[in-house]
Amino acid sequence: MCLAIPVRIEEILGDETAMADIGGVRKEINVALIADLAVGDFVIMHVGYALNKIDPDEAERTLALFAELDALSQQDIIEAAQ
């Protein structure tokens, strides 16, 4: 299964690369497919490639859902260990 995730652009490095924040981790990604990219934009990233820009509110909602899923998963692990 493949999953594309929203990431925030932290720094433009060159014509085709940028530094993205991925849950607190900074990673260099390819942004060749995105026109008019700016620091602070959110993009959908898949295997290191930015596919398209997305609305910041939608990105934040999606990231909040991922965090909620992680918290529930951690809770399940703790309960299973007891």
Protein backbone atom coordinates (compact mmCIF):
# COMPACT_ATOMS: atom_id res chain seq x y z
CA MET A 1 0.00 0.00 0.00
CA CYS A 2 1.29 3.46 -0.87
CA LEU A 3 0.59 6.57 1.11
CA ALA A 4 1.11 10.19 0.15
CA ILE A 5 1.35 12.57 3.09
CA PRO A 6 1.09 16.33 3.54
CA VAL A 7 4.39 18.06 4.31
CA ARG A 8 5.31 21.72 4.85
CA ILE A 9 8.01 23.34 2.75
CA GLU A 10 10.67 24.81 5.06
CA GLU A 11 13.29 25.94 2.55
CA ILE A 12 13.70 26.11 -1.22
CA LEU A 13 17.09 24.58 -2.05
CA GLY A 14 17.14 24.80 -5.82
CA ASP A 15 15.05 24.53 -8.96
CA GLU A 16 13.95 21.00 -8.22
CA THR A 17 14.56 20.46 -4.49
CA ALA A 18 13.27 21.78 -1.19
CA MET A 19 13.55 20.95 2.49
CA ALA A 20 10.29 19.67 3.94
CA ASP A 21 9.09 19.16 7.50
CA ILE A 22 7.69 15.67 7.89
CA GLY A 23 6.36 15.37 11.42
CA GLY A 24 9.33 17.25 12.85
CA VAL A 25 11.87 15.53 10.61
CA ARG A 26 13.50 17.59 7.86
CA LYS A 27 13.98 15.84 4.52
CA GLU A 28 15.12 17.02 1.12
CA ILE A 29 12.42 16.31 -1.46
CA ASN A 30 12.04 16.72 -5.20
CA VAL A 31 9.64 19.54 -6.14
CA ALA A 32 10.08 19.56 -9.93
CA LEU A 33 6.34 18.96 -10.46
CA ILE A 34 5.24 22.05 -8.48
CA ALA A 35 5.03 25.54 -9.99
CA ASP A 36 5.20 28.68 -7.83
CA LEU A 37 6.32 26.88 -4.68
CA ALA A 38 7.01 29.03 -1.62
CA VAL A 39 8.25 28.47 1.92
CA GLY A 40 5.25 27.63 4.09
CA ASP A 41 3.32 25.86 1.33
CA PHE A 42 1.95 22.40 2.01
CA VAL A 43 2.39 19.70 -0.61
CA ILE A 44 1.43 16.07 -0.91
CA MET A 45 4.61 13.99 -0.88
CA HIS A 46 5.02 10.42 -2.08
CA VAL A 47 8.38 8.60 -1.99
CA GLY A 48 10.30 11.86 -1.82
CA TYR A 49 8.43 13.68 -4.60
CA ALA A 50 6.02 16.56 -4.10
CA LEU A 51 2.98 15.80 -6.26
CA ASN A 52 0.87 18.93 -5.81
CA LYS A 53 0.12 21.81 -3.43
CA ILE A 54 -2.74 21.44 -0.98
CA ASP A 55 -4.79 23.77 1.15
CA PRO A 56 -3.09 24.44 4.53
CA ASP A 57 -6.30 23.78 6.49
CA GLU A 58 -6.77 20.43 4.77
CA ALA A 59 -3.13 19.55 5.43
CA GLU A 60 -3.49 20.38 9.13
CA ARG A 61 -6.69 18.31 9.42
CA THR A 62 -5.00 15.34 7.76
CA LEU A 63 -1.92 15.61 9.99
CA ALA A 64 -4.18 15.82 13.07
CA LEU A 65 -5.92 12.60 11.98
CA PHE A 66 -2.55 10.88 11.55
CA ALA A 67 -1.56 11.99 15.07
CA GLU A 68 -4.85 10.67 16.45
CA LEU A 69 -4.32 7.32 14.73
CA ASP A 70 -0.81 7.13 16.18
CA ALA A 71 -2.10 7.86 19.69
CA LEU A 72 -4.76 5.15 19.36
CA SER A 73 -2.17 2.70 18.08
CA GLN A 74 0.13 3.46 21.01
CA GLN A 75 -2.80 2.99 23.41
CA ASP A 76 -3.55 -0.42 21.85
CA ILE A 77 0.09 -1.46 22.29
CA ILE A 78 0.08 -0.44 25.95
CA GLU A 79 -3.20 -2.26 26.63
CA ALA A 80 -1.96 -5.39 24.87
CA ALA A 81 1.17 -5.42 27.02
CA GLN A 82 -0.80 -5.34 30.28
